[in-house]
Amino acid sequence: MSEKKGTLCPNCGTDLTRPPVIRYGTPFRCLNCNTLLEVPTSYNMVCGWLSAIIAAGLCLAAGLRNLSLIAGFLVALLPVMFSVSFFQRHLFPPKLTVHPH
């Protein structure tokens, strides 16, 4: 199952999708071996930058310019971030790493 490869504990190989225990902003413990794990910050940065690019592209495609571009970007950013985050987590789950103590 290559689709769940990133959601495995790197220490013991436990699948951490059921029940969902993965936290994207803070370290968390594996349910089986109690190892402190984390999602790499680069995973969240990719989501943020991709969301900003898509939101800006949508605003430019809608013909927004100047202050309306900034306002439109801010309004579009939140729903785009939720959408990108949803698809990224389901299509490309994070490869977990052991948190450095």
PDB file of N, CA and C in Angstrom:
ATOM      1  N   MET A   1       0.824  -1.185   0.000  1.00  0.00           N
ATOM      2  CA  MET A   1       0.000   0.000   0.000  1.00  0.00           C
ATOM      3  C   MET A   1       0.868   1.248   0.000  1.00  0.00           C
ATOM      4  N   SER A   2       1.225   1.723  -1.139  1.00  0.00           N
ATOM      5  CA  SER A   2       2.092   2.897  -1.232  1.00  0.00           C
ATOM      6  C   SER A   2       1.377   4.171  -0.807  1.00  0.00           C
ATOM      7  N   GLU A   3       0.038   4.165  -0.831  1.00  0.00           N
ATOM      8  CA  GLU A   3      -0.690   5.366  -0.457  1.00  0.00           C
ATOM      9  C   GLU A   3      -0.584   5.679   1.037  1.00  0.00           C
ATOM     10  N   LYS A   4      -0.265   4.687   1.868  1.00  0.00           N
ATOM     11  CA  LYS A   4      -0.146   4.914   3.296  1.00  0.00           C
ATOM     12  C   LYS A   4       1.301   4.908   3.758  1.00  0.00           C
ATOM     13  N   LYS A   5       2.226   4.911   2.838  1.00  0.00           N
ATOM     14  CA  LYS A   5       3.631   4.798   3.186  1.00  0.00           C
ATOM     15  C   LYS A   5       4.108   5.908   4.107  1.00  0.00           C
ATOM     16  N   GLY A   6       3.647   7.133   3.904  1.00  0.00           N
ATOM     17  CA  GLY A   6       4.105   8.246   4.714  1.00  0.00           C
ATOM     18  C   GLY A   6       3.473   8.320   6.083  1.00  0.00           C
ATOM     19  N   THR A   7       2.410   7.578   6.315  1.00  0.00           N
ATOM     20  CA  THR A   7       1.722   7.657   7.595  1.00  0.00           C
ATOM     21  C   THR A   7       2.159   6.564   8.558  1.00  0.00           C
ATOM     22  N   LEU A   8       3.262   5.914   8.261  1.00  0.00           N
ATOM     23  CA  LEU A   8       3.776   4.870   9.130  1.00  0.00           C
ATOM     24  C   LEU A   8       4.809   5.443  10.083  1.00  0.00           C
ATOM     25  N   CYS A   9       4.835   4.889  11.283  1.00  0.00           N
ATOM     26  CA  CYS A   9       5.851   5.292  12.250  1.00  0.00           C
ATOM     27  C   CYS A   9       7.215   4.858  11.704  1.00  0.00           C
ATOM     28  N   PRO A  10       8.189   5.766  11.631  1.00  0.00           N
ATOM     29  CA  PRO A  10       9.500   5.387  11.110  1.00  0.00           C
ATOM     30  C   PRO A  10      10.277   4.463  12.046  1.00  0.00           C
ATOM     31  N   ASN A  11       9.814   4.342  13.287  1.00  0.00           N
ATOM     32  CA  ASN A  11      10.509   3.501  14.259  1.00  0.00           C
ATOM     33  C   ASN A  11       9.985   2.066  14.268  1.00  0.00           C
ATOM     34  N   CYS A  12       8.649   1.912  14.328  1.00  0.00           N
ATOM     35  CA  CYS A  12       8.081   0.565  14.449  1.00  0.00           C
ATOM     36  C   CYS A  12       7.205   0.153  13.263  1.00  0.00           C
ATOM     37  N   GLY A  13       6.854   1.096  12.376  1.00  0.00           N
ATOM     38  CA  GLY A  13       6.051   0.771  11.202  1.00  0.00           C
ATOM     39  C   GLY A  13       4.550   0.749  11.430  1.00  0.00           C
ATOM     40  N   THR A  14       4.083   1.205  12.575  1.00  0.00           N
ATOM     41  CA  THR A  14       2.647   1.235  12.864  1.00  0.00           C
ATOM     42  C   THR A  14       1.943   2.243  11.968  1.00  0.00           C
ATOM     43  N   ASP A  15       0.794   1.845  11.406  1.00  0.00           N
ATOM     44  CA  ASP A  15      -0.019   2.748  10.594  1.00  0.00           C
ATOM     45  C   ASP A  15      -0.736   3.720  11.525  1.00  0.00           C
ATOM     46  N   LEU A  16      -0.517   5.004  11.353  1.00  0.00           N
ATOM     47  CA  LEU A  16      -1.073   6.018  12.251  1.00  0.00           C
ATOM     48  C   LEU A  16      -2.290   6.732  11.674  1.00  0.00           C
ATOM     49  N   THR A  17      -2.940   6.132  10.667  1.00  0.00           N
ATOM     50  CA  THR A  17      -4.123   6.774  10.081  1.00  0.00           C
ATOM     51  C   THR A  17      -5.404   6.390  10.808  1.00  0.00           C
ATOM     52  N   ARG A  18      -5.465   5.222  11.441  1.00  0.00           N
ATOM     53  CA  ARG A  18      -6.661   4.768  12.150  1.00  0.00           C
ATOM     54  C   ARG A  18      -6.283   4.310  13.532  1.00  0.00           C
ATOM     55  N   PRO A  19      -6.681   4.952  14.596  1.00  0.00           N
ATOM     56  CA  PRO A  19      -7.330   6.255  14.640  1.00  0.00           C
ATOM     57  C   PRO A  19      -6.337   7.342  14.242  1.00  0.00           C
ATOM     58  N   PRO A  20      -6.842   8.431  13.676  1.00  0.00           N
ATOM     59  CA  PRO A  20      -5.913   9.483  13.236  1.00  0.00           C
ATOM     60  C   PRO A  20      -5.233  10.162  14.426  1.00  0.00           C
ATOM     61  N   VAL A  21      -3.921  10.036  14.502  1.00  0.00           N
ATOM     62  CA  VAL A  21      -3.166  10.641  15.598  1.00  0.00           C
ATOM     63  C   VAL A  21      -2.155  11.668  15.101  1.00  0.00           C
ATOM     64  N   ILE A  22      -2.070  11.841  13.797  1.00  0.00           N
ATOM     65  CA  ILE A  22      -1.069  12.746  13.230  1.00  0.00           C
ATOM     66  C   ILE A  22      -1.463  14.194  13.514  1.00  0.00           C
ATOM     67  N   ARG A  23      -0.532  14.951  14.070  1.00  0.00           N
ATOM     68  CA  ARG A  23      -0.712  16.392  14.298  1.00  0.00           C
ATOM     69  C   ARG A  23       0.273  17.113  13.395  1.00  0.00           C
ATOM     70  N   TYR A  24      -0.191  18.114  12.702  1.00  0.00           N
ATOM     71  CA  TYR A  24       0.630  18.783  11.695  1.00  0.00           C
ATOM     72  C   TYR A  24       1.425  19.954  12.240  1.00  0.00           C
ATOM     73  N   GLY A  25       1.158  20.405  13.437  1.00  0.00           N
ATOM     74  CA  GLY A  25       1.862  21.561  13.967  1.00  0.00           C
ATOM     75  C   GLY A  25       2.723  21.270  15.179  1.00  0.00           C
ATOM     76  N   THR A  26       2.451  20.164  15.849  1.00  0.00           N
ATOM     77  CA  THR A  26       3.183  19.838  17.071  1.00  0.00           C
ATOM     78  C   THR A  26       3.608  18.373  17.040  1.00  0.00           C
ATOM     79  N   PRO A  27       4.643  18.024  17.796  1.00  0.00           N
ATOM     80  CA  PRO A  27       5.042  16.611  17.883  1.00  0.00           C
ATOM     81  C   PRO A  27       3.951  15.776  18.556  1.00  0.00           C
ATOM     82  N   PHE A  28       3.929  14.501  18.248  1.00  0.00           N
ATOM     83  CA  PHE A  28       2.956  13.575  18.825  1.00  0.00           C
ATOM     84  C   PHE A  28       3.634  12.218  19.013  1.00  0.00           C
ATOM     85  N   ARG A  29       3.025  11.359  19.775  1.00  0.00           N
ATOM     86  CA  ARG A  29       3.614  10.055  20.079  1.00  0.00           C
ATOM     87  C   ARG A  29       2.948   8.942  19.270  1.00  0.00           C
ATOM     88  N   CYS A  30       3.773   7.976  18.881  1.00  0.00           N
ATOM     89  CA  CYS A  30       3.266   6.781  18.216  1.00  0.00           C
ATOM     90  C   CYS A  30       2.448   5.988  19.221  1.00  0.00           C
ATOM     91  N   LEU A  31       1.336   5.417  18.774  1.00  0.00           N
ATOM     92  CA  LEU A  31       0.467   4.656  19.663  1.00  0.00           C
ATOM     93  C   LEU A  31       1.097   3.332  20.083  1.00  0.00           C
ATOM     94  N   ASN A  32       2.019   2.813  19.290  1.00  0.00           N
ATOM     95  CA  ASN A  32       2.598   1.507  19.560  1.00  0.00           C
ATOM     96  C   ASN A  32       3.906   1.579  20.352  1.00  0.00           C
ATOM     97  N   CYS A  33       4.872   2.388  19.875  1.00  0.00           N
ATOM     98  CA  CYS A  33       6.202   2.396  20.497  1.00  0.00           C
ATOM     99  C   CYS A  33       6.475   3.654  21.327  1.00  0.00           C
ATOM    100  N   ASN A  34       5.539   4.583  21.345  1.00  0.00           N
ATOM    101  CA  ASN A  34       5.640   5.811  22.135  1.00  0.00           C
ATOM    102  C   ASN A  34       6.779   6.742  21.690  1.00  0.00           C
ATOM    103  N   THR A  35       7.266   6.576  20.470  1.00  0.00           N
ATOM    104  CA  THR A  35       8.298   7.455  19.921  1.00  0.00           C
ATOM    105  C   THR A  35       7.691   8.812  19.601  1.00  0.00           C
ATOM    106  N   LEU A  36       8.414   9.876  19.900  1.00  0.00           N
ATOM    107  CA  LEU A  36       7.952  11.228  19.603  1.00  0.00           C
ATOM    108  C   LEU A  36       8.200  11.511  18.125  1.00  0.00           C
ATOM    109  N   LEU A  37       7.130  11.777  17.377  1.00  0.00           N
ATOM    110  CA  LEU A  37       7.186  11.972  15.923  1.00  0.00           C
ATOM    111  C   LEU A  37       6.733  13.369  15.564  1.00  0.00           C
ATOM    112  N   GLU A  38       7.029  13.775  14.317  1.00  0.00           N
ATOM    113  CA  GLU A  38       6.572  15.062  13.817  1.00  0.00           C
ATOM    114  C   GLU A  38       6.435  15.011  12.301  1.00  0.00           C
ATOM    115  N   VAL A  39       5.626  15.919  11.788  1.00  0.00           N
ATOM    116  CA  VAL A  39       5.525  16.135  10.343  1.00  0.00           C
ATOM    117  C   VAL A  39       6.566  17.202  10.000  1.00  0.00           C
ATOM    118  N   PRO A  40       7.399  16.974   8.988  1.00  0.00           N
ATOM    119  CA  PRO A  40       8.416  17.975   8.638  1.00  0.00           C
ATOM    120  C   PRO A  40       7.786  19.325   8.300  1.00  0.00           C
ATOM    121  N   THR A  41       8.453  20.411   8.687  1.00  0.00           N
ATOM    122  CA  THR A  41       7.915  21.750   8.417  1.00  0.00           C
ATOM    123  C   THR A  41       7.824  22.022   6.924  1.00  0.00           C
ATOM    124  N   SER A  42       8.665  21.364   6.136  1.00  0.00           N
ATOM    125  CA  SER A  42       8.614  21.565   4.686  1.00  0.00           C
ATOM    126  C   SER A  42       7.272  21.114   4.114  1.00  0.00           C
ATOM    127  N   TYR A  43       6.634  20.125   4.728  1.00  0.00           N
ATOM    128  CA  TYR A  43       5.337  19.646   4.262  1.00  0.00           C
ATOM    129  C   TYR A  43       4.288  20.753   4.367  1.00  0.00           C
ATOM    130  N   ASN A  44       4.276  21.455   5.505  1.00  0.00           N
ATOM    131  CA  ASN A  44       3.330  22.556   5.689  1.00  0.00           C
ATOM    132  C   ASN A  44       3.694  23.769   4.837  1.00  0.00           C
ATOM    133  N   MET A  45       4.979  23.999   4.626  1.00  0.00           N
ATOM    134  CA  MET A  45       5.407  25.129   3.795  1.00  0.00           C
ATOM    135  C   MET A  45       4.976  24.937   2.344  1.00  0.00           C
ATOM    136  N   VAL A  46       5.047  23.718   1.845  1.00  0.00           N
ATOM    137  CA  VAL A  46       4.593  23.436   0.479  1.00  0.00           C
ATOM    138  C   VAL A  46       3.114  23.762   0.347  1.00  0.00           C
ATOM    139  N   CYS A  47       2.336  23.368   1.344  1.00  0.00           N
ATOM    140  CA  CYS A  47       0.894  23.666   1.336  1.00  0.00           C
ATOM    141  C   CYS A  47       0.651  25.169   1.334  1.00  0.00           C
ATOM    142  N   GLY A  48       1.382  25.904   2.164  1.00  0.00           N
ATOM    143  CA  GLY A  48       1.204  27.349   2.244  1.00  0.00           C
ATOM    144  C   GLY A  48       1.567  28.075   0.957  1.00  0.00           C
ATOM    145  N   TRP A  49       2.722  27.734   0.406  1.00  0.00           N
ATOM    146  CA  TRP A  49       3.142  28.400  -0.839  1.00  0.00           C
ATOM    147  C   TRP A  49       2.248  28.029  -2.014  1.00  0.00           C
ATOM    148  N   LEU A  50       1.859  26.776  -2.106  1.00  0.00           N
ATOM    149  CA  LEU A  50       0.970  26.360  -3.182  1.00  0.00           C
ATOM    150  C   LEU A  50      -0.381  27.060  -3.073  1.00  0.00           C
ATOM    151  N   SER A  51      -0.885  27.202  -1.851  1.00  0.00           N
ATOM    152  CA  SER A  51      -2.152  27.904  -1.637  1.00  0.00           C
ATOM    153  C   SER A  51      -2.051  29.365  -2.040  1.00  0.00           C
ATOM    154  N   ALA A  52      -0.951  30.029  -1.678  1.00  0.00           N
ATOM    155  CA  ALA A  52      -0.767  31.440  -2.027  1.00  0.00           C
ATOM    156  C   ALA A  52      -0.690  31.623  -3.544  1.00  0.00           C
ATOM    157  N   ILE A  53       0.011  30.725  -4.217  1.00  0.00           N
ATOM    158  CA  ILE A  53       0.134  30.823  -5.678  1.00  0.00           C
ATOM    159  C   ILE A  53      -1.216  30.612  -6.351  1.00  0.00           C
ATOM    160  N   ILE A  54      -1.970  29.623  -5.897  1.00  0.00           N
ATOM    161  CA  ILE A  54      -3.284  29.357  -6.484  1.00  0.00           C
ATOM    162  C   ILE A  54      -4.246  30.515  -6.209  1.00  0.00           C
ATOM    163  N   ALA A  55      -4.255  31.038  -4.976  1.00  0.00           N
ATOM    164  CA  ALA A  55      -5.150  32.156  -4.645  1.00  0.00           C
ATOM    165  C   ALA A  55      -4.803  33.387  -5.480  1.00  0.00           C
ATOM    166  N   ALA A  56      -3.518  33.691  -5.632  1.00  0.00           N
ATOM    167  CA  ALA A  56      -3.111  34.836  -6.460  1.00  0.00           C
ATOM    168  C   ALA A  56      -3.490  34.615  -7.913  1.00  0.00           C
ATOM    169  N   GLY A  57      -3.300  33.404  -8.403  1.00  0.00           N
ATOM    170  CA  GLY A  57      -3.670  33.091  -9.786  1.00  0.00           C
ATOM    171  C   GLY A  57      -5.157  33.234 -10.029  1.00  0.00           C
ATOM    172  N   LEU A  58      -5.966  32.791  -9.073  1.00  0.00           N
ATOM    173  CA  LEU A  58      -7.414  32.937  -9.212  1.00  0.00           C
ATOM    174  C   LEU A  58      -7.828  34.401  -9.245  1.00  0.00           C
ATOM    175  N   CYS A  59      -7.208  35.205  -8.382  1.00  0.00           N
ATOM    176  CA  CYS A  59      -7.537  36.632  -8.346  1.00  0.00           C
ATOM    177  C   CYS A  59      -7.120  37.338  -9.626  1.00  0.00           C
ATOM    178  N   LEU A  60      -5.944  36.998 -10.126  1.00  0.00           N
ATOM    179  CA  LEU A  60      -5.488  37.604 -11.387  1.00  0.00           C
ATOM    180  C   LEU A  60      -6.359  37.159 -12.554  1.00  0.00           C
ATOM    181  N   ALA A  61      -6.762  35.900 -12.554  1.00  0.00           N
ATOM    182  CA  ALA A  61      -7.629  35.392 -13.623  1.00  0.00           C
ATOM    183  C   ALA A  61      -9.003  36.048 -13.583  1.00  0.00           C
ATOM    184  N   ALA A  62      -9.429  36.454 -12.387  1.00  0.00           N
ATOM    185  CA  ALA A  62     -10.714  37.145 -12.254  1.00  0.00           C
ATOM    186  C   ALA A  62     -10.618  38.615 -12.644  1.00  0.00           C
ATOM    187  N   GLY A  63      -9.410  39.082 -12.935  1.00  0.00           N
ATOM    188  CA  GLY A  63      -9.234  40.460 -13.375  1.00  0.00           C
ATOM    189  C   GLY A  63      -9.049  41.464 -12.256  1.00  0.00           C
ATOM    190  N   LEU A  64      -8.765  41.000 -11.059  1.00  0.00           N
ATOM    191  CA  LEU A  64      -8.580  41.923  -9.943  1.00  0.00           C
ATOM    192  C   LEU A  64      -7.224  42.608 -10.041  1.00  0.00           C
ATOM    193  N   ARG A  65      -7.188  43.888  -9.691  1.00  0.00           N
ATOM    194  CA  ARG A  65      -5.947  44.664  -9.727  1.00  0.00           C
ATOM    195  C   ARG A  65      -5.895  45.586  -8.523  1.00  0.00           C
ATOM    196  N   ASN A  66      -4.713  46.036  -8.164  1.00  0.00           N
ATOM    197  CA  ASN A  66      -4.465  46.999  -7.084  1.00  0.00           C
ATOM    198  C   ASN A  66      -5.028  46.529  -5.744  1.00  0.00           C
ATOM    199  N   LEU A  67      -5.826  47.385  -5.088  1.00  0.00           N
ATOM    200  CA  LEU A  67      -6.350  47.037  -3.763  1.00  0.00           C
ATOM    201  C   LEU A  67      -7.353  45.886  -3.815  1.00  0.00           C
ATOM    202  N   SER A  68      -8.100  45.796  -4.884  1.00  0.00           N
ATOM    203  CA  SER A  68      -9.046  44.681  -4.996  1.00  0.00           C
ATOM    204  C   SER A  68      -8.299  43.347  -5.129  1.00  0.00           C
ATOM    205  N   LEU A  69      -7.099  43.373  -5.708  1.00  0.00           N
ATOM    206  CA  LEU A  69      -6.285  42.165  -5.795  1.00  0.00           C
ATOM    207  C   LEU A  69      -5.867  41.702  -4.401  1.00  0.00           C
ATOM    208  N   ILE A  70      -5.450  42.635  -3.566  1.00  0.00           N
ATOM    209  CA  ILE A  70      -5.037  42.296  -2.197  1.00  0.00           C
ATOM    210  C   ILE A  70      -6.229  41.781  -1.393  1.00  0.00           C
ATOM    211  N   ALA A  71      -7.356  42.474  -1.487  1.00  0.00           N
ATOM    212  CA  ALA A  71      -8.546  42.039  -0.758  1.00  0.00           C
ATOM    213  C   ALA A  71      -9.031  40.679  -1.256  1.00  0.00           C
ATOM    214  N   GLY A  72      -9.057  40.503  -2.547  1.00  0.00           N
ATOM    215  CA  GLY A  72      -9.474  39.219  -3.122  1.00  0.00           C
ATOM    216  C   GLY A  72      -8.542  38.088  -2.730  1.00  0.00           C
ATOM    217  N   PHE A  73      -7.250  38.390  -2.698  1.00  0.00           N
ATOM    218  CA  PHE A  73      -6.265  37.386  -2.294  1.00  0.00           C
ATOM    219  C   PHE A  73      -6.517  36.937  -0.853  1.00  0.00           C
ATOM    220  N   LEU A  74      -6.743  37.899   0.035  1.00  0.00           N
ATOM    221  CA  LEU A  74      -6.977  37.569   1.435  1.00  0.00           C
ATOM    222  C   LEU A  74      -8.260  36.778   1.629  1.00  0.00           C
ATOM    223  N   VAL A  75      -9.282  37.096   0.859  1.00  0.00           N
ATOM    224  CA  VAL A  75     -10.551  36.375   0.949  1.00  0.00           C
ATOM    225  C   VAL A  75     -10.407  34.967   0.364  1.00  0.00           C
ATOM    226  N   ALA A  76      -9.689  34.830  -0.729  1.00  0.00           N
ATOM    227  CA  ALA A  76      -9.548  33.536  -1.394  1.00  0.00           C
ATOM    228  C   ALA A  76      -8.566  32.609  -0.690  1.00  0.00           C
ATOM    229  N   LEU A  77      -7.634  33.162   0.052  1.00  0.00           N
ATOM    230  CA  LEU A  77      -6.558  32.356   0.623  1.00  0.00           C
ATOM    231  C   LEU A  77      -7.065  31.275   1.582  1.00  0.00           C
ATOM    232  N   LEU A  78      -7.981  31.591   2.453  1.00  0.00           N
ATOM    233  CA  LEU A  78      -8.453  30.620   3.441  1.00  0.00           C
ATOM    234  C   LEU A  78      -9.129  29.400   2.802  1.00  0.00           C
ATOM    235  N   PRO A  79     -10.121  29.577   1.913  1.00  0.00           N
ATOM    236  CA  PRO A  79     -10.719  28.376   1.314  1.00  0.00           C
ATOM    237  C   PRO A  79      -9.735  27.603   0.432  1.00  0.00           C
ATOM    238  N   VAL A  80      -8.822  28.316  -0.224  1.00  0.00           N
ATOM    239  CA  VAL A  80      -7.823  27.626  -1.040  1.00  0.00           C
ATOM    240  C   VAL A  80      -6.894  26.816  -0.143  1.00  0.00           C
ATOM    241  N   MET A  81      -6.508  27.370   1.009  1.00  0.00           N
ATOM    242  CA  MET A  81      -5.637  26.634   1.937  1.00  0.00           C
ATOM    243  C   MET A  81      -6.315  25.365   2.438  1.00  0.00           C
ATOM    244  N   PHE A  82      -7.590  25.445   2.779  1.00  0.00           N
ATOM    245  CA  PHE A  82      -8.316  24.248   3.219  1.00  0.00           C
ATOM    246  C   PHE A  82      -8.372  23.205   2.113  1.00  0.00           C
ATOM    247  N   SER A  83      -8.638  23.636   0.888  1.00  0.00           N
ATOM    248  CA  SER A  83      -8.730  22.701  -0.236  1.00  0.00           C
ATOM    249  C   SER A  83      -7.388  22.049  -0.537  1.00  0.00           C
ATOM    250  N   VAL A  84      -6.342  22.859  -0.613  1.00  0.00           N
ATOM    251  CA  VAL A  84      -5.009  22.322  -0.902  1.00  0.00           C
ATOM    252  C   VAL A  84      -4.582  21.380   0.214  1.00  0.00           C
ATOM    253  N   SER A  85      -4.827  21.761   1.457  1.00  0.00           N
ATOM    254  CA  SER A  85      -4.462  20.921   2.601  1.00  0.00           C
ATOM    255  C   SER A  85      -5.188  19.580   2.542  1.00  0.00           C
ATOM    256  N   PHE A  86      -6.464  19.602   2.239  1.00  0.00           N
ATOM    257  CA  PHE A  86      -7.249  18.366   2.151  1.00  0.00           C
ATOM    258  C   PHE A  86      -6.678  17.430   1.101  1.00  0.00           C
ATOM    259  N   PHE A  87      -6.467  17.958  -0.109  1.00  0.00           N
ATOM    260  CA  PHE A  87      -5.960  17.112  -1.188  1.00  0.00           C
ATOM    261  C   PHE A  87      -4.522  16.670  -0.943  1.00  0.00           C
ATOM    262  N   GLN A  88      -3.706  17.538  -0.395  1.00  0.00           N
ATOM    263  CA  GLN A  88      -2.316  17.176  -0.123  1.00  0.00           C
ATOM    264  C   GLN A  88      -2.260  16.042   0.902  1.00  0.00           C
ATOM    265  N   ARG A  89      -3.037  16.116   1.947  1.00  0.00           N
ATOM    266  CA  ARG A  89      -3.006  15.097   2.997  1.00  0.00           C
ATOM    267  C   ARG A  89      -3.560  13.767   2.524  1.00  0.00           C
ATOM    268  N   HIS A  90      -4.515  13.792   1.594  1.00  0.00           N
ATOM    269  CA  HIS A  90      -5.078  12.541   1.106  1.00  0.00           C
ATOM    270  C   HIS A  90      -4.302  11.949  -0.065  1.00  0.00           C
ATOM    271  N   LEU A  91      -3.758  12.790  -0.922  1.00  0.00           N
ATOM    272  CA  LEU A  91      -3.019  12.284  -2.079  1.00  0.00           C
ATOM    273  C   LEU A  91      -1.537  12.073  -1.789  1.00  0.00           C
ATOM    274  N   PHE A  92      -0.964  12.919  -0.950  1.00  0.00           N
ATOM    275  CA  PHE A  92       0.459  12.846  -0.617  1.00  0.00           C
ATOM    276  C   PHE A  92       0.636  12.943   0.896  1.00  0.00           C
ATOM    277  N   PRO A  93       0.338  11.865   1.639  1.00  0.00           N
ATOM    278  CA  PRO A  93       0.453  11.937   3.098  1.00  0.00           C
ATOM    279  C   PRO A  93       1.892  12.229   3.513  1.00  0.00           C
ATOM    280  N   PRO A  94       2.070  12.859   4.669  1.00  0.00           N
ATOM    281  CA  PRO A  94       3.410  13.245   5.083  1.00  0.00           C
ATOM    282  C   PRO A  94       4.274  12.052   5.469  1.00  0.00           C
ATOM    283  N   LYS A  95       5.558  12.165   5.210  1.00  0.00           N
ATOM    284  CA  LYS A  95       6.516  11.164   5.676  1.00  0.00           C
ATOM    285  C   LYS A  95       6.965  11.618   7.056  1.00  0.00           C
ATOM    286  N   LEU A  96       6.579  10.864   8.067  1.00  0.00           N
ATOM    287  CA  LEU A  96       6.864  11.249   9.448  1.00  0.00           C
ATOM    288  C   LEU A  96       8.336  11.071   9.782  1.00  0.00           C
ATOM    289  N   THR A  97       8.820  11.941  10.666  1.00  0.00           N
ATOM    290  CA  THR A  97      10.195  11.843  11.137  1.00  0.00           C
ATOM    291  C   THR A  97      10.195  11.804  12.666  1.00  0.00           C
ATOM    292  N   VAL A  98      11.280  11.272  13.216  1.00  0.00           N
ATOM    293  CA  VAL A  98      11.429  11.238  14.665  1.00  0.00           C
ATOM    294  C   VAL A  98      11.796  12.649  15.130  1.00  0.00           C
ATOM    295  N   HIS A  99      11.076  13.126  16.129  1.00  0.00           N
ATOM    296  CA  HIS A  99      11.304  14.473  16.650  1.00  0.00           C
ATOM    297  C   HIS A  99      12.614  14.498  17.449  1.00  0.00           C
ATOM    298  N   PRO A 100      13.516  15.446  17.150  1.00  0.00           N
ATOM    299  CA  PRO A 100      14.746  15.523  17.941  1.00  0.00           C
ATOM    300  C   PRO A 100      14.428  16.062  19.333  1.00  0.00           C
ATOM    301  N   HIS A 101      14.855  15.369  20.339  1.00  0.00           N
ATOM    302  CA  HIS A 101      14.538  15.757  21.731  1.00  0.00           C
ATOM    303  C   HIS A 101      15.290  16.966  22.046  1.00  0.00           C
TER     304      HIS A 101
END
